[in-house]
Amino acid sequence: MTITKQVIAEKLASYLRHECTSAELVSWAETAMMEREVDEADAEIVSAALARLGVADVRAFGLEWADCESILRDLGFEAQVEITAA
């Protein structure tokens, strides 16, 4: 599977929707960096996003909302929040 900006955005969205844990996101990013093909057209952006997600389990780096927004913005996406009654 080729890792594209869309693939990363979808995985990050899954994390933000609590469909995967931060550990699962980090593991996916680490595996993607080592074993998967990166879209050549966006190799620099895709590689940078994967690298950032791959270290999110390190306390010094972490992964806050602003980080997610920044990664998505770099990938050409925008995060939006919707509040609904529980």
PDB file of N, CA and C in Angstrom:
ATOM      1  N   MET A   1       0.847  -1.179   0.000  1.00  0.00           N
ATOM      2  CA  MET A   1       0.000   0.000   0.000  1.00  0.00           C
ATOM      3  C   MET A   1       0.894   1.244   0.000  1.00  0.00           C
ATOM      4  N   THR A   2       0.594   2.159  -0.864  1.00  0.00           N
ATOM      5  CA  THR A   2       1.323   3.412  -0.923  1.00  0.00           C
ATOM      6  C   THR A   2       0.750   4.375   0.115  1.00  0.00           C
ATOM      7  N   ILE A   3       1.630   4.990   0.884  1.00  0.00           N
ATOM      8  CA  ILE A   3       1.207   5.955   1.886  1.00  0.00           C
ATOM      9  C   ILE A   3       1.125   7.331   1.232  1.00  0.00           C
ATOM     10  N   THR A   4      -0.075   7.878   1.228  1.00  0.00           N
ATOM     11  CA  THR A   4      -0.323   9.192   0.645  1.00  0.00           C
ATOM     12  C   THR A   4      -0.742  10.166   1.739  1.00  0.00           C
ATOM     13  N   LYS A   5      -0.879  11.424   1.361  1.00  0.00           N
ATOM     14  CA  LYS A   5      -1.367  12.424   2.307  1.00  0.00           C
ATOM     15  C   LYS A   5      -2.762  12.039   2.797  1.00  0.00           C
ATOM     16  N   GLN A   6      -3.593  11.520   1.917  1.00  0.00           N
ATOM     17  CA  GLN A   6      -4.954  11.111   2.268  1.00  0.00           C
ATOM     18  C   GLN A   6      -4.948   9.973   3.289  1.00  0.00           C
ATOM     19  N   VAL A   7      -4.078   9.007   3.097  1.00  0.00           N
ATOM     20  CA  VAL A   7      -3.982   7.869   4.020  1.00  0.00           C
ATOM     21  C   VAL A   7      -3.605   8.354   5.421  1.00  0.00           C
ATOM     22  N   ILE A   8      -2.642   9.239   5.504  1.00  0.00           N
ATOM     23  CA  ILE A   8      -2.224   9.765   6.812  1.00  0.00           C
ATOM     24  C   ILE A   8      -3.348  10.575   7.441  1.00  0.00           C
ATOM     25  N   ALA A   9      -4.003  11.412   6.667  1.00  0.00           N
ATOM     26  CA  ALA A   9      -5.114  12.221   7.193  1.00  0.00           C
ATOM     27  C   ALA A   9      -6.222  11.323   7.732  1.00  0.00           C
ATOM     28  N   GLU A  10      -6.532  10.246   7.026  1.00  0.00           N
ATOM     29  CA  GLU A  10      -7.573   9.325   7.482  1.00  0.00           C
ATOM     30  C   GLU A  10      -7.164   8.622   8.778  1.00  0.00           C
ATOM     31  N   LYS A  11      -5.909   8.237   8.878  1.00  0.00           N
ATOM     32  CA  LYS A  11      -5.435   7.572  10.094  1.00  0.00           C
ATOM     33  C   LYS A  11      -5.451   8.544  11.274  1.00  0.00           C
ATOM     34  N   LEU A  12      -5.031   9.765  11.043  1.00  0.00           N
ATOM     35  CA  LEU A  12      -5.050  10.772  12.096  1.00  0.00           C
ATOM     36  C   LEU A  12      -6.489  11.088  12.510  1.00  0.00           C
ATOM     37  N   ALA A  13      -7.393  11.156  11.558  1.00  0.00           N
ATOM     38  CA  ALA A  13      -8.814  11.372  11.870  1.00  0.00           C
ATOM     39  C   ALA A  13      -9.358  10.219  12.707  1.00  0.00           C
ATOM     40  N   SER A  14      -8.953   9.011  12.400  1.00  0.00           N
ATOM     41  CA  SER A  14      -9.367   7.841  13.174  1.00  0.00           C
ATOM     42  C   SER A  14      -8.905   7.967  14.623  1.00  0.00           C
ATOM     43  N   TYR A  15      -7.690   8.439  14.809  1.00  0.00           N
ATOM     44  CA  TYR A  15      -7.163   8.668  16.159  1.00  0.00           C
ATOM     45  C   TYR A  15      -7.974   9.750  16.883  1.00  0.00           C
ATOM     46  N   LEU A  16      -8.258  10.834  16.197  1.00  0.00           N
ATOM     47  CA  LEU A  16      -9.002  11.937  16.813  1.00  0.00           C
ATOM     48  C   LEU A  16     -10.441  11.539  17.158  1.00  0.00           C
ATOM     49  N   ARG A  17     -10.996  10.567  16.425  1.00  0.00           N
ATOM     50  CA  ARG A  17     -12.337  10.055  16.724  1.00  0.00           C
ATOM     51  C   ARG A  17     -12.301   8.932  17.765  1.00  0.00           C
ATOM     52  N   HIS A  18     -11.124   8.669  18.319  1.00  0.00           N
ATOM     53  CA  HIS A  18     -10.921   7.624  19.331  1.00  0.00           C
ATOM     54  C   HIS A  18     -11.206   6.227  18.786  1.00  0.00           C
ATOM     55  N   GLU A  19     -10.976   6.035  17.498  1.00  0.00           N
ATOM     56  CA  GLU A  19     -11.135   4.721  16.877  1.00  0.00           C
ATOM     57  C   GLU A  19      -9.844   3.913  16.955  1.00  0.00           C
ATOM     58  N   CYS A  20      -8.750   4.593  17.277  1.00  0.00           N
ATOM     59  CA  CYS A  20      -7.487   3.908  17.543  1.00  0.00           C
ATOM     60  C   CYS A  20      -6.770   4.683  18.647  1.00  0.00           C
ATOM     61  N   THR A  21      -5.918   3.997  19.358  1.00  0.00           N
ATOM     62  CA  THR A  21      -5.186   4.624  20.463  1.00  0.00           C
ATOM     63  C   THR A  21      -3.938   5.332  19.940  1.00  0.00           C
ATOM     64  N   SER A  22      -3.344   6.120  20.803  1.00  0.00           N
ATOM     65  CA  SER A  22      -2.101   6.785  20.406  1.00  0.00           C
ATOM     66  C   SER A  22      -1.008   5.748  20.138  1.00  0.00           C
ATOM     67  N   ALA A  23      -0.989   4.680  20.924  1.00  0.00           N
ATOM     68  CA  ALA A  23       0.002   3.618  20.705  1.00  0.00           C
ATOM     69  C   ALA A  23      -0.193   2.965  19.337  1.00  0.00           C
ATOM     70  N   GLU A  24      -1.439   2.761  18.946  1.00  0.00           N
ATOM     71  CA  GLU A  24      -1.720   2.170  17.634  1.00  0.00           C
ATOM     72  C   GLU A  24      -1.318   3.120  16.511  1.00  0.00           C
ATOM     73  N   LEU A  25      -1.564   4.413  16.700  1.00  0.00           N
ATOM     74  CA  LEU A  25      -1.182   5.414  15.709  1.00  0.00           C
ATOM     75  C   LEU A  25       0.334   5.446  15.545  1.00  0.00           C
ATOM     76  N   VAL A  26       1.043   5.461  16.654  1.00  0.00           N
ATOM     77  CA  VAL A  26       2.515   5.481  16.620  1.00  0.00           C
ATOM     78  C   VAL A  26       3.043   4.226  15.941  1.00  0.00           C
ATOM     79  N   SER A  27       2.508   3.079  16.317  1.00  0.00           N
ATOM     80  CA  SER A  27       2.941   1.812  15.725  1.00  0.00           C
ATOM     81  C   SER A  27       2.704   1.801  14.219  1.00  0.00           C
ATOM     82  N   TRP A  28       1.535   2.291  13.808  1.00  0.00           N
ATOM     83  CA  TRP A  28       1.221   2.357  12.376  1.00  0.00           C
ATOM     84  C   TRP A  28       2.224   3.252  11.657  1.00  0.00           C
ATOM     85  N   ALA A  29       2.502   4.422  12.221  1.00  0.00           N
ATOM     86  CA  ALA A  29       3.431   5.368  11.593  1.00  0.00           C
ATOM     87  C   ALA A  29       4.838   4.781  11.491  1.00  0.00           C
ATOM     88  N   GLU A  30       5.283   4.122  12.551  1.00  0.00           N
ATOM     89  CA  GLU A  30       6.616   3.507  12.538  1.00  0.00           C
ATOM     90  C   GLU A  30       6.702   2.427  11.466  1.00  0.00           C
ATOM     91  N   THR A  31       5.673   1.599  11.380  1.00  0.00           N
ATOM     92  CA  THR A  31       5.641   0.537  10.372  1.00  0.00           C
ATOM     93  C   THR A  31       5.593   1.124   8.975  1.00  0.00           C
ATOM     94  N   ALA A  32       4.775   2.147   8.800  1.00  0.00           N
ATOM     95  CA  ALA A  32       4.657   2.790   7.487  1.00  0.00           C
ATOM     96  C   ALA A  32       5.987   3.383   7.038  1.00  0.00           C
ATOM     97  N   MET A  33       6.738   3.952   7.973  1.00  0.00           N
ATOM     98  CA  MET A  33       8.042   4.540   7.631  1.00  0.00           C
ATOM     99  C   MET A  33       9.027   3.474   7.166  1.00  0.00           C
ATOM    100  N   MET A  34       8.948   2.294   7.751  1.00  0.00           N
ATOM    101  CA  MET A  34       9.932   1.252   7.464  1.00  0.00           C
ATOM    102  C   MET A  34       9.529   0.310   6.333  1.00  0.00           C
ATOM    103  N   GLU A  35       8.238   0.005   6.232  1.00  0.00           N
ATOM    104  CA  GLU A  35       7.844  -1.084   5.352  1.00  0.00           C
ATOM    105  C   GLU A  35       6.982  -0.697   4.164  1.00  0.00           C
ATOM    106  N   ARG A  36       6.521   0.510   4.107  1.00  0.00           N
ATOM    107  CA  ARG A  36       5.585   0.860   3.053  1.00  0.00           C
ATOM    108  C   ARG A  36       6.185   1.867   2.084  1.00  0.00           C
ATOM    109  N   GLU A  37       5.615   1.880   0.913  1.00  0.00           N
ATOM    110  CA  GLU A  37       6.047   2.811  -0.128  1.00  0.00           C
ATOM    111  C   GLU A  37       5.376   4.166   0.098  1.00  0.00           C
ATOM    112  N   VAL A  38       6.153   5.214  -0.024  1.00  0.00           N
ATOM    113  CA  VAL A  38       5.651   6.577   0.151  1.00  0.00           C
ATOM    114  C   VAL A  38       5.377   7.175  -1.221  1.00  0.00           C
ATOM    115  N   ASP A  39       4.256   7.875  -1.341  1.00  0.00           N
ATOM    116  CA  ASP A  39       3.898   8.553  -2.587  1.00  0.00           C
ATOM    117  C   ASP A  39       5.032   9.495  -2.981  1.00  0.00           C
ATOM    118  N   GLU A  40       5.640   9.238  -4.139  1.00  0.00           N
ATOM    119  CA  GLU A  40       6.797  10.022  -4.586  1.00  0.00           C
ATOM    120  C   GLU A  40       6.481  11.504  -4.768  1.00  0.00           C
ATOM    121  N   ALA A  41       5.274  11.809  -5.213  1.00  0.00           N
ATOM    122  CA  ALA A  41       4.906  13.205  -5.477  1.00  0.00           C
ATOM    123  C   ALA A  41       4.935  14.056  -4.207  1.00  0.00           C
ATOM    124  N   ASP A  42       4.648  13.428  -3.075  1.00  0.00           N
ATOM    125  CA  ASP A  42       4.586  14.150  -1.804  1.00  0.00           C
ATOM    126  C   ASP A  42       5.512  13.536  -0.762  1.00  0.00           C
ATOM    127  N   ALA A  43       6.610  12.938  -1.207  1.00  0.00           N
ATOM    128  CA  ALA A  43       7.490  12.184  -0.318  1.00  0.00           C
ATOM    129  C   ALA A  43       7.976  12.996   0.885  1.00  0.00           C
ATOM    130  N   GLU A  44       8.336  14.241   0.667  1.00  0.00           N
ATOM    131  CA  GLU A  44       8.866  15.056   1.770  1.00  0.00           C
ATOM    132  C   GLU A  44       7.802  15.315   2.833  1.00  0.00           C
ATOM    133  N   ILE A  45       6.618  15.712   2.414  1.00  0.00           N
ATOM    134  CA  ILE A  45       5.524  16.010   3.354  1.00  0.00           C
ATOM    135  C   ILE A  45       5.059  14.747   4.057  1.00  0.00           C
ATOM    136  N   VAL A  46       4.892  13.669   3.289  1.00  0.00           N
ATOM    137  CA  VAL A  46       4.427  12.400   3.849  1.00  0.00           C
ATOM    138  C   VAL A  46       5.446  11.854   4.843  1.00  0.00           C
ATOM    139  N   SER A  47       6.703  11.882   4.486  1.00  0.00           N
ATOM    140  CA  SER A  47       7.755  11.379   5.380  1.00  0.00           C
ATOM    141  C   SER A  47       7.829  12.202   6.665  1.00  0.00           C
ATOM    142  N   ALA A  48       7.697  13.512   6.558  1.00  0.00           N
ATOM    143  CA  ALA A  48       7.737  14.379   7.741  1.00  0.00           C
ATOM    144  C   ALA A  48       6.556  14.092   8.666  1.00  0.00           C
ATOM    145  N   ALA A  49       5.373  13.895   8.091  1.00  0.00           N
ATOM    146  CA  ALA A  49       4.186  13.600   8.904  1.00  0.00           C
ATOM    147  C   ALA A  49       4.340  12.253   9.600  1.00  0.00           C
ATOM    148  N   LEU A  50       4.817  11.240   8.882  1.00  0.00           N
ATOM    149  CA  LEU A  50       5.025   9.926   9.490  1.00  0.00           C
ATOM    150  C   LEU A  50       6.063   9.991  10.602  1.00  0.00           C
ATOM    151  N   ALA A  51       7.129  10.741  10.365  1.00  0.00           N
ATOM    152  CA  ALA A  51       8.170  10.880  11.384  1.00  0.00           C
ATOM    153  C   ALA A  51       7.608  11.537  12.637  1.00  0.00           C
ATOM    154  N   ARG A  52       6.813  12.573  12.464  1.00  0.00           N
ATOM    155  CA  ARG A  52       6.213  13.274  13.611  1.00  0.00           C
ATOM    156  C   ARG A  52       5.270  12.355  14.382  1.00  0.00           C
ATOM    157  N   LEU A  53       4.447  11.594  13.677  1.00  0.00           N
ATOM    158  CA  LEU A  53       3.523  10.668  14.339  1.00  0.00           C
ATOM    159  C   LEU A  53       4.277   9.509  14.994  1.00  0.00           C
ATOM    160  N   GLY A  54       5.381   9.123  14.401  1.00  0.00           N
ATOM    161  CA  GLY A  54       6.160   8.001  14.918  1.00  0.00           C
ATOM    162  C   GLY A  54       6.823   8.268  16.253  1.00  0.00           C
ATOM    163  N   VAL A  55       6.987   9.534  16.625  1.00  0.00           N
ATOM    164  CA  VAL A  55       7.608   9.867  17.914  1.00  0.00           C
ATOM    165  C   VAL A  55       6.587  10.408  18.917  1.00  0.00           C
ATOM    166  N   ALA A  56       5.321  10.295  18.596  1.00  0.00           N
ATOM    167  CA  ALA A  56       4.278  10.850  19.468  1.00  0.00           C
ATOM    168  C   ALA A  56       4.204  10.152  20.819  1.00  0.00           C
ATOM    169  N   ASP A  57       4.812   8.989  20.948  1.00  0.00           N
ATOM    170  CA  ASP A  57       4.791   8.290  22.229  1.00  0.00           C
ATOM    171  C   ASP A  57       5.941   8.711  23.146  1.00  0.00           C
ATOM    172  N   VAL A  58       6.807   9.585  22.677  1.00  0.00           N
ATOM    173  CA  VAL A  58       7.915  10.086  23.486  1.00  0.00           C
ATOM    174  C   VAL A  58       7.431  11.340  24.212  1.00  0.00           C
ATOM    175  N   ARG A  59       7.599  11.366  25.508  1.00  0.00           N
ATOM    176  CA  ARG A  59       7.069  12.461  26.329  1.00  0.00           C
ATOM    177  C   ARG A  59       7.468  13.840  25.812  1.00  0.00           C
ATOM    178  N   ALA A  60       8.695  13.969  25.373  1.00  0.00           N
ATOM    179  CA  ALA A  60       9.184  15.271  24.902  1.00  0.00           C
ATOM    180  C   ALA A  60       8.442  15.737  23.651  1.00  0.00           C
ATOM    181  N   PHE A  61       7.863  14.808  22.902  1.00  0.00           N
ATOM    182  CA  PHE A  61       7.165  15.168  21.673  1.00  0.00           C
ATOM    183  C   PHE A  61       5.653  15.169  21.865  1.00  0.00           C
ATOM    184  N   GLY A  62       5.092  14.071  22.321  1.00  0.00           N
ATOM    185  CA  GLY A  62       3.655  13.990  22.535  1.00  0.00           C
ATOM    186  C   GLY A  62       2.879  14.282  21.262  1.00  0.00           C
ATOM    187  N   LEU A  63       1.568  14.403  21.409  1.00  0.00           N
ATOM    188  CA  LEU A  63       0.720  14.726  20.268  1.00  0.00           C
ATOM    189  C   LEU A  63      -0.501  15.467  20.781  1.00  0.00           C
ATOM    190  N   GLU A  64      -0.457  16.773  20.690  1.00  0.00           N
ATOM    191  CA  GLU A  64      -1.555  17.608  21.157  1.00  0.00           C
ATOM    192  C   GLU A  64      -2.426  18.022  19.977  1.00  0.00           C
ATOM    193  N   TRP A  65      -3.570  18.620  20.287  1.00  0.00           N
ATOM    194  CA  TRP A  65      -4.494  19.064  19.258  1.00  0.00           C
ATOM    195  C   TRP A  65      -3.801  19.969  18.241  1.00  0.00           C
ATOM    196  N   ALA A  66      -2.998  20.902  18.718  1.00  0.00           N
ATOM    197  CA  ALA A  66      -2.295  21.824  17.815  1.00  0.00           C
ATOM    198  C   ALA A  66      -1.357  21.067  16.880  1.00  0.00           C
ATOM    199  N   ASP A  67      -0.749  20.002  17.381  1.00  0.00           N
ATOM    200  CA  ASP A  67       0.125  19.180  16.544  1.00  0.00           C
ATOM    201  C   ASP A  67      -0.676  18.511  15.430  1.00  0.00           C
ATOM    202  N   CYS A  68      -1.827  17.973  15.797  1.00  0.00           N
ATOM    203  CA  CYS A  68      -2.693  17.321  14.812  1.00  0.00           C
ATOM    204  C   CYS A  68      -3.143  18.314  13.746  1.00  0.00           C
ATOM    205  N   GLU A  69      -3.534  19.505  14.175  1.00  0.00           N
ATOM    206  CA  GLU A  69      -3.936  20.553  13.225  1.00  0.00           C
ATOM    207  C   GLU A  69      -2.786  20.905  12.278  1.00  0.00           C
ATOM    208  N   SER A  70      -1.604  21.024  12.826  1.00  0.00           N
ATOM    209  CA  SER A  70      -0.444  21.382  12.023  1.00  0.00           C
ATOM    210  C   SER A  70      -0.115  20.291  11.002  1.00  0.00           C
ATOM    211  N   ILE A  71      -0.133  19.050  11.430  1.00  0.00           N
ATOM    212  CA  ILE A  71       0.138  17.937  10.514  1.00  0.00           C
ATOM    213  C   ILE A  71      -0.906  17.913   9.406  1.00  0.00           C
ATOM    214  N   LEU A  72      -2.166  18.026   9.782  1.00  0.00           N
ATOM    215  CA  LEU A  72      -3.234  18.019   8.781  1.00  0.00           C
ATOM    216  C   LEU A  72      -3.090  19.189   7.807  1.00  0.00           C
ATOM    217  N   ARG A  73      -2.763  20.357   8.325  1.00  0.00           N
ATOM    218  CA  ARG A  73      -2.568  21.537   7.476  1.00  0.00           C
ATOM    219  C   ARG A  73      -1.431  21.304   6.477  1.00  0.00           C
ATOM    220  N   ASP A  74      -0.332  20.737   6.971  1.00  0.00           N
ATOM    221  CA  ASP A  74       0.797  20.438   6.087  1.00  0.00           C
ATOM    222  C   ASP A  74       0.411  19.452   4.986  1.00  0.00           C
ATOM    223  N   LEU A  75      -0.534  18.561   5.309  1.00  0.00           N
ATOM    224  CA  LEU A  75      -0.994  17.565   4.346  1.00  0.00           C
ATOM    225  C   LEU A  75      -2.067  18.112   3.402  1.00  0.00           C
ATOM    226  N   GLY A  76      -2.522  19.334   3.682  1.00  0.00           N
ATOM    227  CA  GLY A  76      -3.522  19.949   2.836  1.00  0.00           C
ATOM    228  C   GLY A  76      -4.948  19.753   3.312  1.00  0.00           C
ATOM    229  N   PHE A  77      -5.110  19.468   4.606  1.00  0.00           N
ATOM    230  CA  PHE A  77      -6.431  19.237   5.187  1.00  0.00           C
ATOM    231  C   PHE A  77      -6.670  20.211   6.329  1.00  0.00           C
ATOM    232  N   GLU A  78      -7.905  20.272   6.784  1.00  0.00           N
ATOM    233  CA  GLU A  78      -8.277  21.133   7.897  1.00  0.00           C
ATOM    234  C   GLU A  78      -9.148  20.330   8.857  1.00  0.00           C
ATOM    235  N   ALA A  79      -8.860  20.432  10.135  1.00  0.00           N
ATOM    236  CA  ALA A  79      -9.667  19.758  11.154  1.00  0.00           C
ATOM    237  C   ALA A  79     -10.840  20.646  11.537  1.00  0.00           C
ATOM    238  N   GLN A  80     -11.991  20.039  11.721  1.00  0.00           N
ATOM    239  CA  GLN A  80     -13.164  20.748  12.191  1.00  0.00           C
ATOM    240  C   GLN A  80     -13.753  19.970  13.356  1.00  0.00           C
ATOM    241  N   VAL A  81     -14.279  20.683  14.329  1.00  0.00           N
ATOM    242  CA  VAL A  81     -14.846  20.045  15.512  1.00  0.00           C
ATOM    243  C   VAL A  81     -16.359  20.223  15.482  1.00  0.00           C
ATOM    244  N   GLU A  82     -17.059  19.162  15.801  1.00  0.00           N
ATOM    245  CA  GLU A  82     -18.516  19.225  15.891  1.00  0.00           C
ATOM    246  C   GLU A  82     -18.918  18.780  17.290  1.00  0.00           C
ATOM    247  N   ILE A  83     -19.700  19.592  17.963  1.00  0.00           N
ATOM    248  CA  ILE A  83     -20.161  19.280  19.319  1.00  0.00           C
ATOM    249  C   ILE A  83     -21.602  18.808  19.229  1.00  0.00           C
ATOM    250  N   THR A  84     -21.887  17.654  19.827  1.00  0.00           N
ATOM    251  CA  THR A  84     -23.246  17.115  19.840  1.00  0.00           C
ATOM    252  C   THR A  84     -23.621  16.726  21.254  1.00  0.00           C
ATOM    253  N   ALA A  85     -24.904  16.628  21.521  1.00  0.00           N
ATOM    254  CA  ALA A  85     -25.378  16.192  22.838  1.00  0.00           C
ATOM    255  C   ALA A  85     -25.031  14.730  23.040  1.00  0.00           C
ATOM    256  N   ALA A  86     -24.680  14.387  24.263  1.00  0.00           N
ATOM    257  CA  ALA A  86     -24.301  13.002  24.582  1.00  0.00           C
ATOM    258  C   ALA A  86     -25.525  12.118  24.695  1.00  0.00           C
TER     259      ALA A  86
END
